[in-house]
Protein backbone atom coordinates (compact mmCIF):
# COMPACT_ATOMS: atom_id res chain seq x y z
CA MET A 1 -41.93 -0.94 -201.33
CA LYS A 2 -40.99 0.20 -198.19
CA THR A 3 -43.09 -1.94 -196.11
CA ARG A 4 -42.42 -5.10 -198.64
CA LEU A 5 -38.25 -3.83 -197.09
CA ARG A 6 -39.26 -2.45 -193.56
CA THR A 7 -40.88 -6.01 -193.17
CA ALA A 8 -37.62 -8.25 -194.82
CA ALA A 9 -35.42 -6.28 -192.70
CA GLY A 10 -37.29 -7.47 -189.39
CA GLY A 11 -37.54 -10.71 -190.29
CA LEU A 12 -33.79 -10.99 -191.61
CA VAL A 13 -32.64 -9.24 -187.66
CA ILE A 14 -34.81 -12.30 -185.68
CA LEU A 15 -32.63 -14.62 -187.75
CA LEU A 16 -29.78 -13.24 -186.50
CA ALA A 17 -31.08 -12.75 -183.42
CA GLY A 18 -31.64 -16.28 -183.07
CA CYS A 19 -27.91 -17.48 -184.31
CA GLY A 20 -26.13 -15.83 -181.66
CA THR A 21 -25.18 -16.56 -177.89
CA ALA A 22 -25.32 -12.43 -177.12
CA PRO A 23 -26.62 -11.85 -173.99
CA THR A 24 -30.56 -11.15 -173.62
CA GLN A 25 -29.96 -7.06 -172.45
CA ASP A 26 -28.37 -7.21 -175.75
CA MET A 27 -31.00 -8.95 -178.06
CA ALA A 28 -33.24 -5.75 -177.49
CA LEU A 29 -31.02 -3.58 -178.86
CA LEU A 30 -31.31 -5.77 -181.99
CA PRO A 31 -34.20 -4.55 -183.91
CA ALA A 32 -33.58 -0.84 -182.71
CA ALA A 33 -30.25 -1.31 -185.29
CA ALA A 34 -32.84 -2.50 -187.83
CA VAL A 35 -35.53 0.69 -187.23
CA VAL A 36 -32.33 3.38 -187.40
CA ALA A 37 -30.25 1.36 -190.39
CA SER A 38 -33.73 0.90 -191.99
CA ASN A 39 -34.64 5.05 -191.12
CA ALA A 40 -30.88 5.96 -192.30
CA GLY A 41 -31.15 4.36 -195.85
CA TYR A 42 -29.01 1.24 -194.80
CA LEU A 43 -31.27 -1.50 -195.28
CA LYS A 44 -32.24 -1.21 -198.93
CA LEU A 45 -33.10 -4.40 -201.43
CA PRO A 46 -29.51 -5.04 -202.45
CA ILE A 47 -28.03 -4.40 -199.61
CA VAL A 48 -30.35 -7.17 -197.46
CA ALA A 49 -30.45 -9.04 -200.85
CA GLY A 50 -25.58 -9.02 -200.39
CA ALA A 51 -26.21 -9.93 -196.47
CA VAL A 52 -28.85 -12.96 -196.99
CA ALA A 53 -25.53 -14.07 -200.08
CA PHE A 54 -22.77 -13.47 -198.04
CA TYR A 55 -24.60 -15.48 -194.84
CA VAL A 56 -25.25 -18.58 -197.86
CA VAL A 57 -21.86 -18.83 -198.26
CA MET A 58 -20.16 -17.72 -195.08
CA ASP A 59 -22.17 -20.56 -193.45
CA PRO A 60 -20.82 -20.13 -190.53
CA PHE A 61 -22.50 -23.37 -188.76
CA ALA A 62 -21.19 -25.82 -192.19
CA PRO A 63 -18.29 -27.83 -191.22
CA ASN A 64 -14.84 -26.59 -191.58
CA TRP A 65 -13.59 -29.68 -192.98
CA THR A 66 -15.42 -32.36 -195.23
CA ILE A 67 -14.23 -35.74 -194.94
CA GLU A 68 -13.99 -38.65 -197.67
CA GLU A 69 -12.75 -42.05 -196.57
CA SER A 70 -12.38 -44.99 -198.25
CA ALA A 71 -11.69 -48.54 -196.60
CA GLN A 72 -8.80 -50.12 -198.37
CA ALA A 73 -8.76 -52.92 -196.53
CA ASP A 74 -10.45 -54.17 -192.92
CA ASP A 75 -7.97 -52.24 -191.51
CA ARG A 76 -6.72 -49.56 -193.75
CA TYR A 77 -8.20 -45.96 -194.30
CA LEU A 78 -7.13 -43.80 -196.54
CA ILE A 79 -8.94 -40.13 -195.34
CA ALA A 80 -9.00 -37.02 -197.44
CA LEU A 81 -9.84 -33.84 -196.18
CA ARG A 82 -11.33 -30.71 -197.94
CA HIS A 83 -11.12 -27.29 -196.53
CA LYS A 84 -14.46 -24.84 -197.22
CA ALA A 85 -13.78 -22.66 -200.14
CA VAL A 86 -14.46 -19.74 -198.41
CA HIS A 87 -14.00 -19.65 -194.89
CA SER A 88 -12.82 -18.28 -191.60
CA GLY A 89 -9.86 -19.62 -190.39
CA GLY A 90 -8.56 -23.07 -189.32
CA GLY A 91 -6.29 -23.71 -192.00
CA GLY A 92 -4.05 -25.18 -189.39
CA GLU A 93 -6.45 -27.96 -188.03
CA ALA A 94 -6.28 -29.93 -190.53
CA LEU A 95 -3.92 -32.53 -188.70
CA GLN A 96 -6.12 -32.72 -185.64
CA VAL A 97 -9.18 -33.50 -187.63
CA PHE A 98 -7.70 -36.23 -189.48
CA LYS A 99 -5.98 -37.97 -185.61
CA ARG A 100 -9.84 -37.12 -184.67
CA ARG A 101 -11.54 -38.86 -187.52
CA ALA A 102 -8.61 -42.39 -186.70
CA ALA A 103 -9.17 -42.14 -183.70
CA GLN A 104 -12.92 -42.94 -184.19
CA LEU A 105 -11.66 -45.02 -186.74
CA ALA A 106 -9.75 -47.24 -184.20
CA GLY A 107 -12.63 -47.19 -182.32
CA LYS A 108 -14.57 -49.97 -183.86
CA PRO A 109 -14.25 -53.56 -182.55
CA GLY A 110 -11.26 -55.58 -182.56
CA PHE A 111 -9.03 -52.02 -182.63
CA GLY A 112 -7.64 -49.99 -180.24
CA ALA A 113 -4.93 -47.96 -181.38
CA TYR A 114 -4.12 -46.77 -185.03
CA GLU A 115 -1.02 -45.87 -186.26
CA VAL A 116 -0.20 -43.16 -189.55
CA VAL A 117 1.24 -44.22 -192.36
CA SER A 118 1.22 -41.45 -194.76
CA TRP A 119 -0.16 -37.71 -194.28
CA GLN A 120 0.56 -35.03 -196.82
CA GLN A 121 -1.55 -31.41 -196.83
CA GLY A 122 -1.27 -28.64 -199.60
CA ILE A 123 -3.59 -26.22 -201.62
CA GLU A 124 -5.35 -27.02 -204.24
CA SER A 125 -5.74 -24.34 -207.01
CA GLY A 126 -9.25 -23.91 -208.43
CA ARG A 127 -12.09 -21.61 -209.66
CA PRO A 128 -13.05 -19.09 -208.32
CA PHE A 129 -11.34 -19.70 -204.93
CA ALA A 130 -8.46 -22.16 -203.72
CA GLN A 131 -8.52 -24.92 -201.26
CA ARG A 132 -6.19 -26.30 -198.26
CA VAL A 133 -5.91 -30.15 -199.01
CA ALA A 134 -5.14 -32.67 -196.88
CA PHE A 135 -4.79 -36.88 -197.51
CA GLY A 136 -3.69 -39.73 -195.38
CA GLU A 137 -3.76 -43.67 -194.98
CA VAL A 138 -4.43 -44.77 -191.27
CA ARG A 139 -3.92 -48.44 -190.34
CA LEU A 140 -5.58 -49.66 -187.30
CA LEU A 141 -4.38 -51.84 -184.48
CA ARG A 142 -5.98 -54.60 -183.24
CA VAL A 143 -6.54 -55.27 -179.75
CA PRO A 144 -4.42 -58.23 -178.41
CA VAL A 145 -6.76 -61.08 -177.77
CA PRO A 146 -6.85 -61.93 -173.57
CA VAL A 147 -4.65 -64.82 -172.68
CA ALA A 148 -7.85 -66.19 -170.52
CA ALA A 149 -10.41 -65.88 -173.43
CA ARG A 150 -8.42 -68.53 -175.34
């Protein structure tokens, strides 16, 4: 059992070592820290399983916002944003994400800009966590046809 636990702990340490941007001299400390933690009794199976479950729920590399859009017309879009249920920060960036997506839509051929028709944001109560949500409507503005092309 101890060998399996140490193997799992070593594998977890190796996986976590590849996820960071720490300098290489600090990376050498991770296996040593795992051995010390294992010898001190901190790397028991429930603790390792809890750490893995926490990592899966938090998923630090997942985007903070999910974006759903619906085309209402050729030049109108509804954009709905939903924040991650379990997150670390990012509460004030809804409008920034919304405008970034609107600018991407305005980059489509024939359009050059956009205007925000409506915008609202709030918190949706749900189980087990409340989530920040935002909704907006965008109207894409057409680029005027150059005089020489007429």
